[in-house]
Amino acid sequence: MRLTDILLTEHIILPLKAKQRDDAIKELINMLAEKDLITDVEQANAAVLEREKLMTTGVGNGIGIPHCKDKSCPNFAVALGIQPKGIKFESIDKKDVKVVFLLVGPENNPGMHIKLLSRISRLMSNEELRQGILKSKDAQKIHDLIDEEENYYFDID
């Protein structure tokens, strides 16, 4: 499964309204719920925030990857939010997050969950891609940049 198979253009919010981590997570969850990809908004939100209590998903370099495996998420879904001004996210590098990938999925496929997290991390390790995303003015351009990078680095599987 490719990231761009489940991160659709309409799953990208530019810009996020949220200025705080919990609000950004909720904004992205609500958007996925509106697309019928999450069955219980409150349960999904609680699952993601519970995961945040274990360890921040603010991974550094302005990137946050909040995620959960929960029954409120029957299939894998990814949302992406951009907040150019930054979000307080309790990141490991203490810097604000500007790019937030939300990954939700079912409890019964931990292998795919790890694979998608790894793919997001690998893609976001590319400084040029991160800067391209931050400079983009529309969701289609962001999706195209990620798709192009994914085509370069990964085989279709």
N, C-alpha and C. Protein backbone atom coordinates (compact mmCIF):
# COMPACT_ATOMS: atom_id res chain seq x y z
N MET A 1 0.85 -1.19 0.00
CA MET A 1 0.00 0.00 0.00
C MET A 1 0.89 1.24 0.00
N ARG A 2 0.60 2.13 -0.90
CA ARG A 2 1.34 3.39 -0.98
C ARG A 2 0.65 4.44 -0.10
N LEU A 3 1.41 5.33 0.44
CA LEU A 3 0.85 6.40 1.26
C LEU A 3 -0.15 7.21 0.46
N THR A 4 0.19 7.52 -0.78
CA THR A 4 -0.70 8.34 -1.60
C THR A 4 -1.94 7.59 -2.08
N ASP A 5 -2.02 6.30 -1.80
CA ASP A 5 -3.27 5.56 -2.05
C ASP A 5 -4.32 5.92 -1.01
N ILE A 6 -3.87 6.26 0.19
CA ILE A 6 -4.83 6.58 1.26
C ILE A 6 -4.79 8.04 1.69
N LEU A 7 -3.70 8.75 1.38
CA LEU A 7 -3.66 10.20 1.61
C LEU A 7 -4.15 10.86 0.33
N LEU A 8 -5.44 11.12 0.29
CA LEU A 8 -6.04 11.74 -0.89
C LEU A 8 -5.92 13.25 -0.78
N THR A 9 -6.01 13.92 -1.90
CA THR A 9 -5.92 15.39 -1.92
C THR A 9 -6.94 16.01 -0.97
N GLU A 10 -8.14 15.44 -0.92
CA GLU A 10 -9.18 16.01 -0.05
C GLU A 10 -8.94 15.70 1.43
N HIS A 11 -7.87 14.99 1.74
CA HIS A 11 -7.50 14.73 3.13
C HIS A 11 -6.40 15.67 3.61
N ILE A 12 -6.12 16.69 2.83
CA ILE A 12 -5.07 17.66 3.17
C ILE A 12 -5.72 18.98 3.53
N ILE A 13 -5.40 19.48 4.73
CA ILE A 13 -5.92 20.76 5.19
C ILE A 13 -4.79 21.77 5.17
N LEU A 14 -5.00 22.83 4.41
CA LEU A 14 -4.00 23.88 4.26
C LEU A 14 -4.69 25.23 4.27
N PRO A 15 -4.52 26.03 5.29
CA PRO A 15 -3.79 25.74 6.54
C PRO A 15 -4.74 25.16 7.60
N LEU A 16 -4.12 24.48 8.55
CA LEU A 16 -4.86 24.07 9.74
C LEU A 16 -5.25 25.31 10.52
N LYS A 17 -6.41 25.29 11.15
CA LYS A 17 -6.82 26.40 12.01
C LYS A 17 -6.15 26.28 13.38
N ALA A 18 -5.90 25.05 13.81
CA ALA A 18 -5.39 24.78 15.15
C ALA A 18 -4.01 25.39 15.40
N LYS A 19 -3.81 25.77 16.65
CA LYS A 19 -2.51 26.30 17.09
C LYS A 19 -1.88 25.41 18.17
N GLN A 20 -2.66 24.43 18.66
CA GLN A 20 -2.20 23.51 19.70
C GLN A 20 -2.34 22.07 19.20
N ARG A 21 -1.51 21.19 19.73
CA ARG A 21 -1.49 19.78 19.32
C ARG A 21 -2.87 19.12 19.36
N ASP A 22 -3.53 19.18 20.51
CA ASP A 22 -4.80 18.47 20.66
C ASP A 22 -5.86 18.99 19.70
N ASP A 23 -5.85 20.30 19.47
CA ASP A 23 -6.80 20.89 18.53
C ASP A 23 -6.50 20.46 17.09
N ALA A 24 -5.21 20.36 16.75
CA ALA A 24 -4.83 19.92 15.40
C ALA A 24 -5.27 18.47 15.17
N ILE A 25 -5.05 17.63 16.17
CA ILE A 25 -5.46 16.23 16.06
C ILE A 25 -6.96 16.15 15.86
N LYS A 26 -7.70 16.89 16.66
CA LYS A 26 -9.17 16.85 16.54
C LYS A 26 -9.63 17.38 15.18
N GLU A 27 -9.01 18.43 14.69
CA GLU A 27 -9.38 18.98 13.38
C GLU A 27 -9.18 17.94 12.27
N LEU A 28 -8.07 17.21 12.32
CA LEU A 28 -7.81 16.19 11.32
C LEU A 28 -8.74 14.99 11.47
N ILE A 29 -9.00 14.58 12.69
CA ILE A 29 -9.93 13.48 12.94
C ILE A 29 -11.33 13.85 12.44
N ASN A 30 -11.78 15.05 12.74
CA ASN A 30 -13.10 15.48 12.28
C ASN A 30 -13.22 15.45 10.77
N MET A 31 -12.16 15.88 10.09
CA MET A 31 -12.18 15.86 8.63
C MET A 31 -12.30 14.43 8.11
N LEU A 32 -11.53 13.49 8.69
CA LEU A 32 -11.63 12.09 8.25
C LEU A 32 -13.00 11.51 8.57
N ALA A 33 -13.58 11.91 9.69
CA ALA A 33 -14.93 11.44 10.05
C ALA A 33 -15.96 11.95 9.05
N GLU A 34 -15.80 13.18 8.60
CA GLU A 34 -16.71 13.73 7.59
C GLU A 34 -16.64 12.94 6.28
N LYS A 35 -15.51 12.28 6.04
CA LYS A 35 -15.33 11.45 4.84
C LYS A 35 -15.72 9.99 5.12
N ASP A 36 -16.33 9.75 6.30
CA ASP A 36 -16.77 8.42 6.70
C ASP A 36 -15.62 7.42 6.87
N LEU A 37 -14.45 7.91 7.28
CA LEU A 37 -13.30 7.04 7.49
C LEU A 37 -13.08 6.72 8.97
N ILE A 38 -13.79 7.43 9.83
CA ILE A 38 -13.75 7.19 11.27
C ILE A 38 -15.19 7.08 11.73
N THR A 39 -15.49 6.04 12.51
CA THR A 39 -16.87 5.80 12.92
C THR A 39 -17.24 6.50 14.22
N ASP A 40 -16.26 6.80 15.06
CA ASP A 40 -16.52 7.42 16.36
C ASP A 40 -15.44 8.45 16.63
N VAL A 41 -15.77 9.72 16.42
CA VAL A 41 -14.80 10.81 16.54
C VAL A 41 -14.20 10.87 17.94
N GLU A 42 -15.03 10.81 18.95
CA GLU A 42 -14.54 10.93 20.33
C GLU A 42 -13.61 9.78 20.70
N GLN A 43 -13.98 8.58 20.28
CA GLN A 43 -13.15 7.41 20.58
C GLN A 43 -11.81 7.50 19.86
N ALA A 44 -11.83 7.89 18.59
CA ALA A 44 -10.58 8.03 17.83
C ALA A 44 -9.70 9.11 18.43
N ASN A 45 -10.30 10.23 18.79
CA ASN A 45 -9.55 11.33 19.39
C ASN A 45 -8.90 10.86 20.70
N ALA A 46 -9.67 10.16 21.53
CA ALA A 46 -9.15 9.66 22.80
C ALA A 46 -8.01 8.67 22.56
N ALA A 47 -8.12 7.82 21.54
CA ALA A 47 -7.08 6.84 21.24
C ALA A 47 -5.78 7.52 20.81
N VAL A 48 -5.89 8.55 19.99
CA VAL A 48 -4.69 9.27 19.54
C VAL A 48 -4.06 10.01 20.73
N LEU A 49 -4.86 10.66 21.54
CA LEU A 49 -4.31 11.39 22.69
C LEU A 49 -3.71 10.44 23.72
N GLU A 50 -4.29 9.27 23.87
CA GLU A 50 -3.72 8.26 24.76
C GLU A 50 -2.35 7.84 24.26
N ARG A 51 -2.21 7.69 22.95
CA ARG A 51 -0.91 7.36 22.36
C ARG A 51 0.09 8.48 22.61
N GLU A 52 -0.36 9.72 22.54
CA GLU A 52 0.52 10.87 22.80
C GLU A 52 1.05 10.86 24.23
N LYS A 53 0.28 10.32 25.17
CA LYS A 53 0.73 10.26 26.56
C LYS A 53 1.93 9.33 26.72
N LEU A 54 2.01 8.30 25.88
CA LEU A 54 3.13 7.37 25.95
C LEU A 54 4.44 8.04 25.56
N MET A 55 4.38 8.81 24.48
CA MET A 55 5.55 9.52 23.97
C MET A 55 5.06 10.45 22.86
N THR A 56 5.62 11.62 22.83
CA THR A 56 5.19 12.58 21.81
C THR A 56 5.44 12.03 20.41
N THR A 57 4.54 12.38 19.52
CA THR A 57 4.74 12.04 18.11
C THR A 57 5.25 13.25 17.33
N GLY A 58 5.65 14.28 18.06
CA GLY A 58 6.37 15.40 17.46
C GLY A 58 7.81 14.93 17.28
N VAL A 59 8.14 14.47 16.08
CA VAL A 59 9.39 13.74 15.85
C VAL A 59 10.57 14.64 15.51
N GLY A 60 10.36 15.95 15.45
CA GLY A 60 11.45 16.86 15.12
C GLY A 60 11.34 17.37 13.69
N ASN A 61 12.14 18.37 13.40
CA ASN A 61 12.16 18.99 12.07
C ASN A 61 10.81 19.54 11.64
N GLY A 62 9.98 19.94 12.62
CA GLY A 62 8.68 20.52 12.29
C GLY A 62 7.62 19.51 11.89
N ILE A 63 7.84 18.22 12.21
CA ILE A 63 6.94 17.15 11.79
C ILE A 63 6.27 16.51 13.01
N GLY A 64 4.97 16.29 12.92
CA GLY A 64 4.22 15.53 13.91
C GLY A 64 3.50 14.39 13.20
N ILE A 65 3.51 13.20 13.82
CA ILE A 65 2.84 12.05 13.22
C ILE A 65 1.96 11.37 14.27
N PRO A 66 0.91 12.06 14.73
CA PRO A 66 0.02 11.40 15.68
C PRO A 66 -0.67 10.22 15.00
N HIS A 67 -0.90 9.16 15.79
CA HIS A 67 -1.47 7.95 15.20
C HIS A 67 -2.13 7.09 16.26
N CYS A 68 -2.98 6.18 15.79
CA CYS A 68 -3.59 5.19 16.68
C CYS A 68 -4.07 4.00 15.88
N LYS A 69 -4.23 2.91 16.61
CA LYS A 69 -4.92 1.73 16.10
C LYS A 69 -6.16 1.61 17.00
N ASP A 70 -7.34 1.63 16.38
CA ASP A 70 -8.55 1.64 17.19
C ASP A 70 -9.73 1.12 16.37
N LYS A 71 -10.71 0.54 17.06
CA LYS A 71 -11.88 -0.01 16.36
C LYS A 71 -12.74 1.08 15.71
N SER A 72 -12.55 2.34 16.10
CA SER A 72 -13.28 3.44 15.46
C SER A 72 -12.72 3.76 14.07
N CYS A 73 -11.62 3.10 13.71
CA CYS A 73 -10.95 3.33 12.44
C CYS A 73 -10.87 1.98 11.70
N PRO A 74 -11.94 1.59 11.02
CA PRO A 74 -12.00 0.25 10.43
C PRO A 74 -11.00 0.02 9.29
N ASN A 75 -10.56 1.08 8.66
CA ASN A 75 -9.57 1.00 7.58
C ASN A 75 -8.50 2.05 7.80
N PHE A 76 -7.37 1.87 7.16
CA PHE A 76 -6.31 2.87 7.30
C PHE A 76 -6.71 4.15 6.59
N ALA A 77 -6.40 5.25 7.24
CA ALA A 77 -6.65 6.57 6.66
C ALA A 77 -5.54 7.51 7.13
N VAL A 78 -5.18 8.42 6.26
CA VAL A 78 -4.16 9.42 6.59
C VAL A 78 -4.71 10.79 6.24
N ALA A 79 -4.48 11.72 7.16
CA ALA A 79 -4.79 13.13 6.91
C ALA A 79 -3.51 13.91 7.08
N LEU A 80 -3.42 15.02 6.40
CA LEU A 80 -2.24 15.88 6.49
C LEU A 80 -2.71 17.31 6.70
N GLY A 81 -2.14 17.94 7.70
CA GLY A 81 -2.45 19.33 7.97
C GLY A 81 -1.18 20.15 8.00
N ILE A 82 -1.25 21.33 7.42
CA ILE A 82 -0.12 22.25 7.39
C ILE A 82 -0.49 23.50 8.17
N GLN A 83 0.35 23.88 9.11
CA GLN A 83 0.17 25.11 9.87
C GLN A 83 1.49 25.89 9.78
N PRO A 84 1.59 26.79 8.79
CA PRO A 84 2.85 27.51 8.56
C PRO A 84 3.37 28.27 9.78
N LYS A 85 2.48 28.70 10.65
CA LYS A 85 2.91 29.45 11.84
C LYS A 85 3.40 28.53 12.96
N GLY A 86 3.12 27.24 12.85
CA GLY A 86 3.59 26.28 13.84
C GLY A 86 2.56 25.98 14.91
N ILE A 87 2.67 24.79 15.46
CA ILE A 87 1.77 24.28 16.49
C ILE A 87 2.62 23.82 17.66
N LYS A 88 2.22 24.19 18.86
CA LYS A 88 2.86 23.66 20.07
C LYS A 88 2.53 22.18 20.14
N PHE A 89 3.56 21.33 20.12
CA PHE A 89 3.34 19.89 19.97
C PHE A 89 4.15 19.05 20.95
N GLU A 90 4.87 19.70 21.86
CA GLU A 90 5.74 18.97 22.79
C GLU A 90 6.72 18.07 22.03
N SER A 91 7.27 18.58 20.94
CA SER A 91 8.17 17.81 20.08
C SER A 91 9.47 17.47 20.79
N ILE A 92 10.10 16.41 20.32
CA ILE A 92 11.36 15.99 20.94
C ILE A 92 12.45 17.05 20.78
N ASP A 93 12.39 17.87 19.74
CA ASP A 93 13.38 18.92 19.56
C ASP A 93 12.90 20.28 20.11
N LYS A 94 11.74 20.25 20.79
CA LYS A 94 11.16 21.44 21.44
C LYS A 94 10.71 22.52 20.46
N LYS A 95 10.70 22.23 19.17
CA LYS A 95 10.29 23.20 18.16
C LYS A 95 8.84 22.96 17.77
N ASP A 96 8.21 24.02 17.27
CA ASP A 96 6.82 23.89 16.81
C ASP A 96 6.75 22.98 15.58
N VAL A 97 5.60 22.36 15.43
CA VAL A 97 5.33 21.48 14.29
C VAL A 97 4.55 22.26 13.25
N LYS A 98 4.94 22.11 12.00
CA LYS A 98 4.25 22.78 10.90
C LYS A 98 3.55 21.79 9.97
N VAL A 99 3.99 20.54 9.97
CA VAL A 99 3.44 19.50 9.12
C VAL A 99 2.96 18.36 10.02
N VAL A 100 1.65 18.08 9.98
CA VAL A 100 1.06 17.05 10.84
C VAL A 100 0.41 15.98 9.98
N PHE A 101 0.95 14.77 10.07
CA PHE A 101 0.35 13.60 9.44
C PHE A 101 -0.41 12.85 10.52
N LEU A 102 -1.69 12.61 10.33
CA LEU A 102 -2.48 11.79 11.23
C LEU A 102 -2.71 10.45 10.55
N LEU A 103 -2.31 9.38 11.22
CA LEU A 103 -2.53 8.03 10.71
C LEU A 103 -3.44 7.29 11.68
N VAL A 104 -4.54 6.78 11.17
CA VAL A 104 -5.46 5.97 11.96
C VAL A 104 -5.70 4.67 11.21
N GLY A 105 -5.94 3.61 11.98
CA GLY A 105 -6.18 2.34 11.34
C GLY A 105 -6.69 1.30 12.31
N PRO A 106 -7.02 0.14 11.78
CA PRO A 106 -7.58 -0.93 12.60
C PRO A 106 -6.54 -1.55 13.53
N GLU A 107 -7.04 -2.15 14.58
CA GLU A 107 -6.17 -2.80 15.57
C GLU A 107 -5.57 -4.10 15.05
N ASN A 108 -6.18 -4.70 14.04
CA ASN A 108 -5.80 -6.04 13.61
C ASN A 108 -4.72 -6.10 12.54
N ASN A 109 -4.07 -4.97 12.23
CA ASN A 109 -3.03 -4.99 11.21
C ASN A 109 -1.85 -4.12 11.64
N PRO A 110 -1.17 -4.52 12.73
CA PRO A 110 -0.06 -3.69 13.22
C PRO A 110 1.09 -3.59 12.23
N GLY A 111 1.29 -4.62 11.41
CA GLY A 111 2.37 -4.58 10.43
C GLY A 111 2.20 -3.45 9.43
N MET A 112 0.99 -3.28 8.91
CA MET A 112 0.73 -2.20 7.95
C MET A 112 0.83 -0.84 8.65
N HIS A 113 0.39 -0.78 9.89
CA HIS A 113 0.47 0.47 10.65
C HIS A 113 1.94 0.92 10.75
N ILE A 114 2.81 -0.01 11.11
CA ILE A 114 4.25 0.29 11.23
C ILE A 114 4.82 0.67 9.87
N LYS A 115 4.41 -0.04 8.83
CA LYS A 115 4.91 0.24 7.48
C LYS A 115 4.54 1.67 7.05
N LEU A 116 3.30 2.06 7.31
CA LEU A 116 2.86 3.41 6.93
C LEU A 116 3.58 4.48 7.77
N LEU A 117 3.74 4.24 9.06
CA LEU A 117 4.50 5.18 9.90
C LEU A 117 5.92 5.33 9.38
N SER A 118 6.53 4.22 9.05
CA SER A 118 7.90 4.23 8.53
C SER A 118 7.99 5.00 7.22
N ARG A 119 6.99 4.79 6.37
CA ARG A 119 6.99 5.48 5.07
C ARG A 119 6.87 6.99 5.26
N ILE A 120 5.98 7.42 6.15
CA ILE A 120 5.84 8.85 6.42
C ILE A 120 7.16 9.40 6.96
N SER A 121 7.75 8.70 7.91
CA SER A 121 9.02 9.15 8.50
C SER A 121 10.11 9.26 7.45
N ARG A 122 10.20 8.26 6.60
CA ARG A 122 11.24 8.27 5.57
C ARG A 122 11.03 9.43 4.60
N LEU A 123 9.81 9.62 4.16
CA LEU A 123 9.53 10.72 3.24
C LEU A 123 9.84 12.07 3.88
N MET A 124 9.46 12.22 5.14
CA MET A 124 9.64 13.50 5.81
C MET A 124 11.08 13.75 6.26
N SER A 125 11.93 12.76 6.11
CA SER A 125 13.35 12.98 6.40
C SER A 125 14.01 13.79 5.28
N ASN A 126 13.32 13.95 4.16
CA ASN A 126 13.84 14.70 3.02
C ASN A 126 13.54 16.19 3.21
N GLU A 127 14.58 16.96 3.48
CA GLU A 127 14.44 18.40 3.71
C GLU A 127 13.81 19.12 2.52
N GLU A 128 14.19 18.73 1.33
CA GLU A 128 13.65 19.37 0.12
C GLU A 128 12.14 19.15 0.02
N LEU A 129 11.69 17.94 0.32
CA LEU A 129 10.25 17.65 0.30
C LEU A 129 9.53 18.45 1.38
N ARG A 130 10.10 18.48 2.58
CA ARG A 130 9.46 19.25 3.67
C ARG A 130 9.30 20.72 3.27
N GLN A 131 10.35 21.29 2.70
CA GLN A 131 10.29 22.69 2.29
C GLN A 131 9.29 22.89 1.15
N GLY A 132 9.24 21.94 0.23
CA GLY A 132 8.27 22.02 -0.87
C GLY A 132 6.84 21.99 -0.36
N ILE A 133 6.58 21.15 0.62
CA ILE A 133 5.24 21.07 1.22
C ILE A 133 4.90 22.40 1.88
N LEU A 134 5.84 22.95 2.63
CA LEU A 134 5.57 24.21 3.34
C LEU A 134 5.38 25.40 2.40
N LYS A 135 6.00 25.35 1.24
CA LYS A 135 5.88 26.44 0.27
C LYS A 135 4.64 26.32 -0.61
N SER A 136 4.05 25.13 -0.64
CA SER A 136 2.90 24.89 -1.51
C SER A 136 1.68 25.67 -1.06
N LYS A 137 0.91 26.11 -2.02
CA LYS A 137 -0.29 26.91 -1.74
C LYS A 137 -1.58 26.12 -1.89
N ASP A 138 -1.48 24.86 -2.38
CA ASP A 138 -2.71 24.09 -2.53
C ASP A 138 -2.45 22.61 -2.28
N ALA A 139 -3.52 21.92 -1.91
CA ALA A 139 -3.45 20.51 -1.53
C ALA A 139 -2.99 19.62 -2.69
N GLN A 140 -3.41 19.91 -3.90
CA GLN A 140 -3.02 19.08 -5.04
C GLN A 140 -1.51 19.11 -5.24
N LYS A 141 -0.91 20.27 -5.10
CA LYS A 141 0.54 20.39 -5.26
C LYS A 141 1.26 19.57 -4.17
N ILE A 142 0.76 19.63 -2.94
CA ILE A 142 1.35 18.85 -1.86
C ILE A 142 1.25 17.36 -2.16
N HIS A 143 0.08 16.92 -2.59
CA HIS A 143 -0.12 15.51 -2.92
C HIS A 143 0.83 15.10 -4.04
N ASP A 144 0.97 15.93 -5.05
CA ASP A 144 1.85 15.63 -6.17
C ASP A 144 3.31 15.50 -5.71
N LEU A 145 3.75 16.38 -4.82
CA LEU A 145 5.11 16.32 -4.30
C LEU A 145 5.36 15.01 -3.55
N ILE A 146 4.41 14.63 -2.70
CA ILE A 146 4.55 13.39 -1.93
C ILE A 146 4.52 12.19 -2.87
N ASP A 147 3.62 12.20 -3.84
CA ASP A 147 3.52 11.10 -4.80
C ASP A 147 4.83 10.96 -5.59
N GLU A 148 5.38 12.06 -6.03
CA GLU A 148 6.63 12.03 -6.79
C GLU A 148 7.77 11.46 -5.94
N GLU A 149 7.83 11.89 -4.71
CA GLU A 149 8.88 11.40 -3.80
C GLU A 149 8.67 9.91 -3.50
N GLU A 150 7.44 9.52 -3.32
CA GLU A 150 7.14 8.12 -3.06
C GLU A 150 7.50 7.26 -4.27
N ASN A 151 7.24 7.74 -5.46
CA ASN A 151 7.62 7.01 -6.67
C ASN A 151 9.13 6.83 -6.76
N TYR A 152 9.86 7.82 -6.31
CA TYR A 152 11.32 7.79 -6.38
C TYR A 152 11.90 6.79 -5.38
N TYR A 153 11.38 6.78 -4.16
CA TYR A 153 11.98 5.98 -3.10
C TYR A 153 11.44 4.58 -2.95
N PHE A 154 10.20 4.35 -3.32
CA PHE A 154 9.57 3.08 -2.97
C PHE A 154 9.00 2.37 -4.18
N ASP A 155 9.11 1.07 -4.15
CA ASP A 155 8.44 0.26 -5.16
C ASP A 155 6.96 0.26 -4.85
N ILE A 156 6.14 0.10 -5.86
CA ILE A 156 4.71 -0.05 -5.66
C ILE A 156 4.47 -1.45 -5.11
N ASP A 157 3.77 -1.49 -3.97
CA ASP A 157 3.47 -2.79 -3.35
C ASP A 157 2.05 -2.91 -2.92
